[in-house]
Amino acid sequence: MSNLLPLPPPPQSQPPETPPWDTPSSSLWYTPRTTPWRTPRSTQSTPLNEMVLTKPTMVKFNGVDEERKKDTVILRLPRSSRTNLWVWCVAGLCFVFSLLLIFFGIATLIVFLAIRPRTPVFDIPNANLHTIYFDSPVYFNGDLSMLVNFTNPNKKIEVRFEQLKIELFFFNKLIAVQAVQPFWQREREMRLEPIRLISSLVCLPVKHAVELMRQVQNNKIEYEIKGTFKVKAHFGMIHYSYWLHGRCQLQMTGPPTGILVSRNCTTKR
């Protein structure tokens, strides 16, 4: 029995590397599934005409951990498409119309500067007052003859006067009217047209009748002549027309030998 070797001592137990307690599932050291080095996979495919942008944001977990999370922003790129044929046609027509408009504008300016059109002149160089009398306190009769001068001051333009009408007024009250036959005028031509204005039983307001009788007694009668006519201008192949308005203020002596003392005539379009 003395030949037996003694048994080795039993091995001593070493403390474990981890603590003997279990970490609860609700520990503050819980690691989220999404980490800064791990990006969640997208389950949707991005179309070819879209661009994906990411915007980092801050996310808090239980007030302890902070880490960045990416928000996805999708921008749609414009689709490439061909321009419609009708759009090209409309654009071409607008371009041609603009060129024509510019061309005619420049041509009109050149013609205007070349010929320098001027307005014909309306004037009354002579007039005679033959009669003024009243059949009653308000019914007026009168006879006035005059020469109307039409002048074409243009050097290269012929004009034609149409729809001529001469009117006689006393204090804006129409008392006589006379039409004139149309006629032509060459360059720098003058034409004297005899006009006779007869008033027969024209009803005048009382104040107008009283004023006319007072002017006859003072041997100073004031009349107003208005002429309205249409003018057609001709320059080669160019033709245009416009309305012309002549106005004359006359001061005359009393009948039967009433003569023109003064006048003031203007012509406007």
C-alpha atoms as a PDB file:
ATOM      1  CA  MET A   1       0.000   0.000   0.000  1.00  0.00           C
ATOM      2  CA  SER A   2       2.901   2.296   0.514  1.00  0.00           C
ATOM      3  CA  ASN A   3       3.779   1.971  -3.213  1.00  0.00           C
ATOM      4  CA  LEU A   4       0.707   3.938  -4.368  1.00  0.00           C
ATOM      5  CA  LEU A   5       1.229   7.492  -5.584  1.00  0.00           C
ATOM      6  CA  PRO A   6      -0.774  10.237  -3.965  1.00  0.00           C
ATOM      7  CA  LEU A   7      -3.692  11.630  -6.021  1.00  0.00           C
ATOM      8  CA  PRO A   8      -3.307  15.088  -7.464  1.00  0.00           C
ATOM      9  CA  PRO A   9      -5.312  17.778  -5.804  1.00  0.00           C
ATOM     10  CA  PRO A  10      -8.624  18.628  -7.463  1.00  0.00           C
ATOM     11  CA  PRO A  11      -8.530  21.605  -9.837  1.00  0.00           C
ATOM     12  CA  GLN A  12      -9.753  24.853  -8.443  1.00  0.00           C
ATOM     13  CA  SER A  13     -12.657  26.461 -10.171  1.00  0.00           C
ATOM     14  CA  GLN A  14     -11.924  29.834 -11.913  1.00  0.00           C
ATOM     15  CA  PRO A  15     -14.344  32.721 -11.868  1.00  0.00           C
ATOM     16  CA  PRO A  16     -16.322  33.072 -15.094  1.00  0.00           C
ATOM     17  CA  GLU A  17     -15.425  35.809 -17.573  1.00  0.00           C
ATOM     18  CA  THR A  18     -18.972  37.208 -17.552  1.00  0.00           C
ATOM     19  CA  PRO A  19     -20.894  38.211 -14.471  1.00  0.00           C
ATOM     20  CA  PRO A  20     -23.207  35.585 -13.086  1.00  0.00           C
ATOM     21  CA  TRP A  21     -26.238  37.794 -13.616  1.00  0.00           C
ATOM     22  CA  ASP A  22     -28.271  38.015 -16.847  1.00  0.00           C
ATOM     23  CA  THR A  23     -28.658  41.225 -18.778  1.00  0.00           C
ATOM     24  CA  PRO A  24     -32.344  42.143 -18.914  1.00  0.00           C
ATOM     25  CA  SER A  25     -33.895  42.774 -22.273  1.00  0.00           C
ATOM     26  CA  SER A  26     -34.844  46.320 -21.260  1.00  0.00           C
ATOM     27  CA  SER A  27     -31.282  47.362 -20.561  1.00  0.00           C
ATOM     28  CA  LEU A  28     -30.063  50.858 -21.316  1.00  0.00           C
ATOM     29  CA  TRP A  29     -27.339  49.312 -23.454  1.00  0.00           C
ATOM     30  CA  TYR A  30     -29.823  48.051 -26.030  1.00  0.00           C
ATOM     31  CA  THR A  31     -28.335  48.370 -29.517  1.00  0.00           C
ATOM     32  CA  PRO A  32     -30.883  49.406 -32.197  1.00  0.00           C
ATOM     33  CA  ARG A  33     -31.146  47.546 -35.426  1.00  0.00           C
ATOM     34  CA  THR A  34     -30.171  50.596 -37.429  1.00  0.00           C
ATOM     35  CA  THR A  35     -26.628  51.742 -36.772  1.00  0.00           C
ATOM     36  CA  PRO A  36     -24.494  54.504 -38.335  1.00  0.00           C
ATOM     37  CA  TRP A  37     -22.582  51.879 -40.265  1.00  0.00           C
ATOM     38  CA  ARG A  38     -25.646  49.997 -41.385  1.00  0.00           C
ATOM     39  CA  THR A  39     -28.168  51.378 -43.882  1.00  0.00           C
ATOM     40  CA  PRO A  40     -31.612  49.780 -44.143  1.00  0.00           C
ATOM     41  CA  ARG A  41     -32.294  48.178 -47.429  1.00  0.00           C
ATOM     42  CA  SER A  42     -34.875  49.741 -49.669  1.00  0.00           C
ATOM     43  CA  THR A  43     -37.638  47.464 -50.817  1.00  0.00           C
ATOM     44  CA  GLN A  44     -38.620  49.660 -53.811  1.00  0.00           C
ATOM     45  CA  SER A  45     -36.703  50.146 -57.002  1.00  0.00           C
ATOM     46  CA  THR A  46     -35.995  53.710 -58.235  1.00  0.00           C
ATOM     47  CA  PRO A  47     -37.331  54.534 -61.731  1.00  0.00           C
ATOM     48  CA  LEU A  48     -34.940  55.869 -64.351  1.00  0.00           C
ATOM     49  CA  ASN A  49     -36.610  59.280 -64.444  1.00  0.00           C
ATOM     50  CA  GLU A  50     -36.329  59.877 -60.673  1.00  0.00           C
ATOM     51  CA  MET A  51     -33.434  61.053 -58.509  1.00  0.00           C
ATOM     52  CA  VAL A  52     -33.081  59.967 -54.882  1.00  0.00           C
ATOM     53  CA  LEU A  53     -31.671  62.425 -52.346  1.00  0.00           C
ATOM     54  CA  THR A  54     -31.021  61.729 -48.704  1.00  0.00           C
ATOM     55  CA  LYS A  55     -31.291  64.131 -45.828  1.00  0.00           C
ATOM     56  CA  PRO A  56     -29.740  63.205 -42.459  1.00  0.00           C
ATOM     57  CA  THR A  57     -31.797  63.765 -39.329  1.00  0.00           C
ATOM     58  CA  MET A  58     -31.195  63.180 -35.614  1.00  0.00           C
ATOM     59  CA  VAL A  59     -33.160  60.438 -33.814  1.00  0.00           C
ATOM     60  CA  LYS A  60     -33.172  59.865 -30.048  1.00  0.00           C
ATOM     61  CA  PHE A  61     -33.778  56.569 -28.285  1.00  0.00           C
ATOM     62  CA  ASN A  62     -34.888  56.740 -24.627  1.00  0.00           C
ATOM     63  CA  GLY A  63     -33.042  60.030 -24.215  1.00  0.00           C
ATOM     64  CA  VAL A  64     -29.618  58.342 -24.260  1.00  0.00           C
ATOM     65  CA  ASP A  65     -28.498  57.313 -27.714  1.00  0.00           C
ATOM     66  CA  GLU A  66     -28.436  59.651 -30.703  1.00  0.00           C
ATOM     67  CA  GLU A  67     -27.744  58.529 -34.220  1.00  0.00           C
ATOM     68  CA  ARG A  68     -28.467  59.741 -37.738  1.00  0.00           C
ATOM     69  CA  LYS A  69     -31.294  58.450 -39.852  1.00  0.00           C
ATOM     70  CA  LYS A  70     -31.624  59.181 -43.556  1.00  0.00           C
ATOM     71  CA  ASP A  71     -34.883  60.502 -45.024  1.00  0.00           C
ATOM     72  CA  THR A  72     -35.445  59.785 -48.679  1.00  0.00           C
ATOM     73  CA  VAL A  73     -36.515  62.643 -51.046  1.00  0.00           C
ATOM     74  CA  ILE A  74     -37.498  61.752 -54.597  1.00  0.00           C
ATOM     75  CA  LEU A  75     -37.190  64.341 -57.398  1.00  0.00           C
ATOM     76  CA  ARG A  76     -38.747  63.547 -60.729  1.00  0.00           C
ATOM     77  CA  LEU A  77     -36.595  64.401 -63.727  1.00  0.00           C
ATOM     78  CA  PRO A  78     -38.325  65.951 -66.756  1.00  0.00           C
ATOM     79  CA  ARG A  79     -39.242  63.481 -69.407  1.00  0.00           C
ATOM     80  CA  SER A  80     -37.635  64.032 -72.748  1.00  0.00           C
ATOM     81  CA  SER A  81     -40.286  64.359 -75.448  1.00  0.00           C
ATOM     82  CA  ARG A  82     -40.316  65.733 -78.991  1.00  0.00           C
ATOM     83  CA  THR A  83     -42.084  69.040 -79.779  1.00  0.00           C
ATOM     84  CA  ASN A  84     -45.405  68.656 -81.545  1.00  0.00           C
ATOM     85  CA  LEU A  85     -45.470  69.470 -85.258  1.00  0.00           C
ATOM     86  CA  TRP A  86     -48.382  71.920 -84.805  1.00  0.00           C
ATOM     87  CA  VAL A  87     -46.323  73.919 -82.329  1.00  0.00           C
ATOM     88  CA  TRP A  88     -43.568  74.310 -84.936  1.00  0.00           C
ATOM     89  CA  CYS A  89     -46.136  75.395 -87.556  1.00  0.00           C
ATOM     90  CA  VAL A  90     -47.648  78.053 -85.266  1.00  0.00           C
ATOM     91  CA  ALA A  91     -44.188  79.314 -84.323  1.00  0.00           C
ATOM     92  CA  GLY A  92     -43.241  79.569 -88.004  1.00  0.00           C
ATOM     93  CA  LEU A  93     -46.400  81.506 -88.847  1.00  0.00           C
ATOM     94  CA  CYS A  94     -45.802  83.923 -85.970  1.00  0.00           C
ATOM     95  CA  PHE A  95     -42.233  84.453 -87.155  1.00  0.00           C
ATOM     96  CA  VAL A  96     -43.345  85.180 -90.747  1.00  0.00           C
ATOM     97  CA  PHE A  97     -46.073  87.550 -89.504  1.00  0.00           C
ATOM     98  CA  SER A  98     -43.521  89.423 -87.370  1.00  0.00           C
ATOM     99  CA  LEU A  99     -41.214  89.835 -90.366  1.00  0.00           C
ATOM    100  CA  LEU A 100     -44.066  91.151 -92.542  1.00  0.00           C
ATOM    101  CA  LEU A 101     -45.123  93.564 -89.818  1.00  0.00           C
ATOM    102  CA  ILE A 102     -41.593  94.924 -89.482  1.00  0.00           C
ATOM    103  CA  PHE A 103     -41.239  95.200 -93.275  1.00  0.00           C
ATOM    104  CA  PHE A 104     -44.483  97.142 -93.753  1.00  0.00           C
ATOM    105  CA  GLY A 105     -43.677  99.374 -90.781  1.00  0.00           C
ATOM    106  CA  ILE A 106     -40.302 100.319 -92.258  1.00  0.00           C
ATOM    107  CA  ALA A 107     -41.849 100.815 -95.724  1.00  0.00           C
ATOM    108  CA  THR A 108     -44.562 103.088 -94.303  1.00  0.00           C
ATOM    109  CA  LEU A 109     -41.970 105.150 -92.461  1.00  0.00           C
ATOM    110  CA  ILE A 110     -39.856 105.529 -95.622  1.00  0.00           C
ATOM    111  CA  VAL A 111     -42.877 106.581 -97.709  1.00  0.00           C
ATOM    112  CA  PHE A 112     -44.001 109.041 -95.039  1.00  0.00           C
ATOM    113  CA  LEU A 113     -40.557 110.648 -94.862  1.00  0.00           C
ATOM    114  CA  ALA A 114     -40.291 110.735 -98.664  1.00  0.00           C
ATOM    115  CA  ILE A 115     -43.645 112.357 -99.519  1.00  0.00           C
ATOM    116  CA  ARG A 116     -44.412 114.134 -96.202  1.00  0.00           C
ATOM    117  CA  PRO A 117     -48.216 114.253 -96.558  1.00  0.00           C
ATOM    118  CA  ARG A 118     -49.929 117.464 -95.438  1.00  0.00           C
ATOM    119  CA  THR A 119     -53.539 118.187 -94.555  1.00  0.00           C
ATOM    120  CA  PRO A 120     -55.639 120.149 -97.115  1.00  0.00           C
ATOM    121  CA  VAL A 121     -56.674 123.651 -96.090  1.00  0.00           C
ATOM    122  CA  PHE A 122     -60.236 124.954 -95.707  1.00  0.00           C
ATOM    123  CA  ASP A 123     -60.693 128.747 -95.813  1.00  0.00           C
ATOM    124  CA  ILE A 124     -63.321 131.435 -96.573  1.00  0.00           C
ATOM    125  CA  PRO A 125     -61.694 134.464 -98.232  1.00  0.00           C
ATOM    126  CA  ASN A 126     -64.941 136.301 -99.056  1.00  0.00           C
ATOM    127  CA  ALA A 127     -68.578 136.353 -97.909  1.00  0.00           C
ATOM    128  CA  ASN A 128     -71.671 138.568 -98.288  1.00  0.00           C
ATOM    129  CA  LEU A 129     -74.738 138.777 -96.063  1.00  0.00           C
ATOM    130  CA  HIS A 130     -77.803 139.659 -98.135  1.00  0.00           C
ATOM    131  CA  THR A 131     -80.823 139.190 -95.903  1.00  0.00           C
ATOM    132  CA  ILE A 132     -81.846 138.845 -92.282  1.00  0.00           C
ATOM    133  CA  TYR A 133     -85.478 139.248 -91.186  1.00  0.00           C
ATOM    134  CA  PHE A 134     -88.046 137.672 -88.867  1.00  0.00           C
ATOM    135  CA  ASP A 135     -91.551 136.542 -89.823  1.00  0.00           C
ATOM    136  CA  SER A 136     -92.354 136.304 -86.128  1.00  0.00           C
ATOM    137  CA  PRO A 137     -90.343 136.806 -82.946  1.00  0.00           C
ATOM    138  CA  VAL A 138     -88.760 133.333 -83.282  1.00  0.00           C
ATOM    139  CA  TYR A 139     -88.870 132.413 -87.012  1.00  0.00           C
ATOM    140  CA  PHE A 140     -85.727 133.555 -88.781  1.00  0.00           C
ATOM    141  CA  ASN A 141     -84.926 134.019 -92.516  1.00  0.00           C
ATOM    142  CA  GLY A 142     -81.484 134.716 -93.932  1.00  0.00           C
ATOM    143  CA  ASP A 143     -79.331 134.636 -97.069  1.00  0.00           C
ATOM    144  CA  LEU A 144     -75.529 134.294 -97.013  1.00  0.00           C
ATOM    145  CA  SER A 145     -73.192 133.730 -99.971  1.00  0.00           C
ATOM    146  CA  MET A 146     -69.470 133.047 -99.751  1.00  0.00           C
ATOM    147  CA  LEU A 147     -66.430 131.607-101.507  1.00  0.00           C
ATOM    148  CA  VAL A 148     -64.816 128.559 -99.935  1.00  0.00           C
ATOM    149  CA  ASN A 149     -61.165 127.947-100.746  1.00  0.00           C
ATOM    150  CA  PHE A 150     -59.917 124.335-100.833  1.00  0.00           C
ATOM    151  CA  THR A 151     -56.125 124.026-101.065  1.00  0.00           C
ATOM    152  CA  ASN A 152     -53.998 120.924-101.574  1.00  0.00           C
ATOM    153  CA  PRO A 153     -50.519 121.795-100.184  1.00  0.00           C
ATOM    154  CA  ASN A 154     -48.937 118.409-101.037  1.00  0.00           C
ATOM    155  CA  LYS A 155     -46.207 118.213-103.677  1.00  0.00           C
ATOM    156  CA  LYS A 156     -46.665 114.541-104.672  1.00  0.00           C
ATOM    157  CA  ILE A 157     -50.192 113.601-103.559  1.00  0.00           C
ATOM    158  CA  GLU A 158     -53.494 114.082-105.355  1.00  0.00           C
ATOM    159  CA  VAL A 159     -56.650 114.330-103.255  1.00  0.00           C
ATOM    160  CA  ARG A 160     -60.330 113.839-103.860  1.00  0.00           C
ATOM    161  CA  PHE A 161     -62.969 115.575-101.734  1.00  0.00           C
ATOM    162  CA  GLU A 162     -66.156 113.584-101.142  1.00  0.00           C
ATOM    163  CA  GLN A 163     -69.299 113.922 -99.007  1.00  0.00           C
ATOM    164  CA  LEU A 164     -68.806 117.670 -98.550  1.00  0.00           C
ATOM    165  CA  LYS A 165     -71.219 119.458 -96.247  1.00  0.00           C
ATOM    166  CA  ILE A 166     -71.146 123.140 -95.251  1.00  0.00           C
ATOM    167  CA  GLU A 167     -73.172 124.216 -92.208  1.00  0.00           C
ATOM    168  CA  LEU A 168     -74.029 127.683 -90.839  1.00  0.00           C
ATOM    169  CA  PHE A 169     -74.410 128.180 -87.083  1.00  0.00           C
ATOM    170  CA  PHE A 170     -75.471 131.063 -84.888  1.00  0.00           C
ATOM    171  CA  PHE A 171     -74.567 130.518 -81.228  1.00  0.00           C
ATOM    172  CA  ASN A 172     -74.333 126.728 -81.832  1.00  0.00           C
ATOM    173  CA  LYS A 173     -77.787 126.718 -83.438  1.00  0.00           C
ATOM    174  CA  LEU A 174     -77.868 125.252 -86.979  1.00  0.00           C
ATOM    175  CA  ILE A 175     -79.636 127.711 -89.304  1.00  0.00           C
ATOM    176  CA  ALA A 176     -78.550 126.569 -92.819  1.00  0.00           C
ATOM    177  CA  VAL A 177     -76.768 123.676 -94.595  1.00  0.00           C
ATOM    178  CA  GLN A 178     -75.468 123.142 -98.141  1.00  0.00           C
ATOM    179  CA  ALA A 179     -73.933 120.093 -99.875  1.00  0.00           C
ATOM    180  CA  VAL A 180     -71.052 120.310-102.386  1.00  0.00           C
ATOM    181  CA  GLN A 181     -70.341 118.029-105.335  1.00  0.00           C
ATOM    182  CA  PRO A 182     -67.161 115.863-105.098  1.00  0.00           C
ATOM    183  CA  PHE A 183     -64.077 117.038-106.988  1.00  0.00           C
ATOM    184  CA  TRP A 184     -60.361 116.254-107.546  1.00  0.00           C
ATOM    185  CA  GLN A 185     -57.368 118.399-106.698  1.00  0.00           C
ATOM    186  CA  ARG A 186     -53.867 117.986-108.108  1.00  0.00           C
ATOM    187  CA  GLU A 187     -50.645 118.769-106.321  1.00  0.00           C
ATOM    188  CA  ARG A 188     -50.533 122.346-104.962  1.00  0.00           C
ATOM    189  CA  GLU A 189     -53.853 123.227-106.543  1.00  0.00           C
ATOM    190  CA  MET A 190     -56.399 125.714-105.193  1.00  0.00           C
ATOM    191  CA  ARG A 191     -60.135 125.652-105.807  1.00  0.00           C
ATOM    192  CA  LEU A 192     -62.712 128.350-105.040  1.00  0.00           C
ATOM    193  CA  GLU A 193     -66.165 126.898-104.527  1.00  0.00           C
ATOM    194  CA  PRO A 194     -69.184 129.265-104.367  1.00  0.00           C
ATOM    195  CA  ILE A 195     -71.564 128.374-101.561  1.00  0.00           C
ATOM    196  CA  ARG A 196     -74.980 129.893-100.789  1.00  0.00           C
ATOM    197  CA  LEU A 197     -76.612 129.289 -97.434  1.00  0.00           C
ATOM    198  CA  ILE A 198     -80.328 130.149 -97.208  1.00  0.00           C
ATOM    199  CA  SER A 199     -82.290 130.006 -93.965  1.00  0.00           C
ATOM    200  CA  SER A 200     -86.073 129.753 -94.320  1.00  0.00           C
ATOM    201  CA  LEU A 201     -88.383 129.904 -91.330  1.00  0.00           C
ATOM    202  CA  VAL A 202     -85.796 128.610 -88.925  1.00  0.00           C
ATOM    203  CA  CYS A 203     -87.107 128.471 -85.377  1.00  0.00           C
ATOM    204  CA  LEU A 204     -84.675 130.172 -83.039  1.00  0.00           C
ATOM    205  CA  PRO A 205     -84.863 130.127 -79.251  1.00  0.00           C
ATOM    206  CA  VAL A 206     -86.009 133.444 -77.841  1.00  0.00           C
ATOM    207  CA  LYS A 207     -82.613 134.344 -76.407  1.00  0.00           C
ATOM    208  CA  HIS A 208     -80.930 133.568 -79.746  1.00  0.00           C
ATOM    209  CA  ALA A 209     -83.451 135.693 -81.659  1.00  0.00           C
ATOM    210  CA  VAL A 210     -82.966 138.612 -79.273  1.00  0.00           C
ATOM    211  CA  GLU A 211     -79.168 138.351 -79.595  1.00  0.00           C
ATOM    212  CA  LEU A 212     -79.313 138.254 -83.414  1.00  0.00           C
ATOM    213  CA  MET A 213     -81.515 141.366 -83.586  1.00  0.00           C
ATOM    214  CA  ARG A 214     -79.138 143.154 -81.224  1.00  0.00           C
ATOM    215  CA  GLN A 215     -76.132 142.279 -83.450  1.00  0.00           C
ATOM    216  CA  VAL A 216     -78.004 143.506 -86.570  1.00  0.00           C
ATOM    217  CA  GLN A 217     -78.651 146.839 -84.864  1.00  0.00           C
ATOM    218  CA  ASN A 218     -74.953 147.072 -83.875  1.00  0.00           C
ATOM    219  CA  ASN A 219     -73.912 146.220 -87.480  1.00  0.00           C
ATOM    220  CA  LYS A 220     -71.682 143.385 -86.226  1.00  0.00           C
ATOM    221  CA  ILE A 221     -72.966 139.833 -86.819  1.00  0.00           C
ATOM    222  CA  GLU A 222     -71.020 136.754 -85.776  1.00  0.00           C
ATOM    223  CA  TYR A 223     -71.524 133.497 -87.647  1.00  0.00           C
ATOM    224  CA  GLU A 224     -69.795 130.120 -87.479  1.00  0.00           C
ATOM    225  CA  ILE A 225     -69.150 127.940 -90.536  1.00  0.00           C
ATOM    226  CA  LYS A 226     -68.405 124.228 -90.191  1.00  0.00           C
ATOM    227  CA  GLY A 227     -67.263 122.079 -93.103  1.00  0.00           C
ATOM    228  CA  THR A 228     -67.098 118.289 -92.984  1.00  0.00           C
ATOM    229  CA  PHE A 229     -65.747 116.223 -95.878  1.00  0.00           C
ATOM    230  CA  LYS A 230     -63.953 112.986 -96.659  1.00  0.00           C
ATOM    231  CA  VAL A 231     -60.533 113.190 -98.306  1.00  0.00           C
ATOM    232  CA  LYS A 232     -59.002 110.381-100.382  1.00  0.00           C
ATOM    233  CA  ALA A 233     -55.263 110.730-100.969  1.00  0.00           C
ATOM    234  CA  HIS A 234     -53.543 109.023-103.937  1.00  0.00           C
ATOM    235  CA  PHE A 235     -49.807 108.469-104.315  1.00  0.00           C
ATOM    236  CA  GLY A 236     -49.093 105.964-107.083  1.00  0.00           C
ATOM    237  CA  MET A 237     -50.419 102.611-105.878  1.00  0.00           C
ATOM    238  CA  ILE A 238     -50.897 103.901-102.339  1.00  0.00           C
ATOM    239  CA  HIS A 239     -54.414 105.063-101.400  1.00  0.00           C
ATOM    240  CA  TYR A 240     -55.749 106.116 -98.037  1.00  0.00           C
ATOM    241  CA  SER A 241     -58.664 108.220 -96.822  1.00  0.00           C
ATOM    242  CA  TYR A 242     -59.607 110.251 -93.765  1.00  0.00           C
ATOM    243  CA  TRP A 243     -62.192 112.744 -92.542  1.00  0.00           C
ATOM    244  CA  LEU A 244     -61.410 116.446 -92.456  1.00  0.00           C
ATOM    245  CA  HIS A 245     -63.163 119.122 -90.395  1.00  0.00           C
ATOM    246  CA  GLY A 246     -62.937 122.825 -91.208  1.00  0.00           C
ATOM    247  CA  ARG A 247     -64.170 125.581 -88.915  1.00  0.00           C
ATOM    248  CA  CYS A 248     -64.377 129.353 -89.483  1.00  0.00           C
ATOM    249  CA  GLN A 249     -65.491 132.154 -87.187  1.00  0.00           C
ATOM    250  CA  LEU A 250     -66.899 135.036 -89.308  1.00  0.00           C
ATOM    251  CA  GLN A 251     -67.649 138.614 -88.327  1.00  0.00           C
ATOM    252  CA  MET A 252     -69.788 140.536 -90.845  1.00  0.00           C
ATOM    253  CA  THR A 253     -71.647 143.818 -91.227  1.00  0.00           C
ATOM    254  CA  GLY A 254     -75.429 143.967 -91.429  1.00  0.00           C
ATOM    255  CA  PRO A 255     -77.511 143.363 -94.583  1.00  0.00           C
ATOM    256  CA  PRO A 256     -78.269 144.148 -97.329  1.00  0.00           C
ATOM    257  CA  THR A 257     -74.607 144.969 -98.049  1.00  0.00           C
ATOM    258  CA  GLY A 258     -73.050 142.873 -95.346  1.00  0.00           C
ATOM    259  CA  ILE A 259     -69.357 142.226 -95.976  1.00  0.00           C
ATOM    260  CA  LEU A 260     -66.751 140.082 -94.283  1.00  0.00           C
ATOM    261  CA  VAL A 261     -64.877 142.028 -91.625  1.00  0.00           C
ATOM    262  CA  SER A 262     -62.702 139.284 -90.089  1.00  0.00           C
ATOM    263  CA  ARG A 263     -62.347 135.516 -90.070  1.00  0.00           C
ATOM    264  CA  ASN A 264     -60.505 132.793 -88.179  1.00  0.00           C
ATOM    265  CA  CYS A 265     -60.327 129.410 -89.925  1.00  0.00           C
ATOM    266  CA  THR A 266     -58.795 126.098 -88.799  1.00  0.00           C
ATOM    267  CA  THR A 267     -58.646 122.656 -90.425  1.00  0.00           C
ATOM    268  CA  LYS A 268     -58.249 119.467 -88.438  1.00  0.00           C
ATOM    269  CA  ARG A 269     -58.609 115.750 -88.921  1.00  0.00           C
END
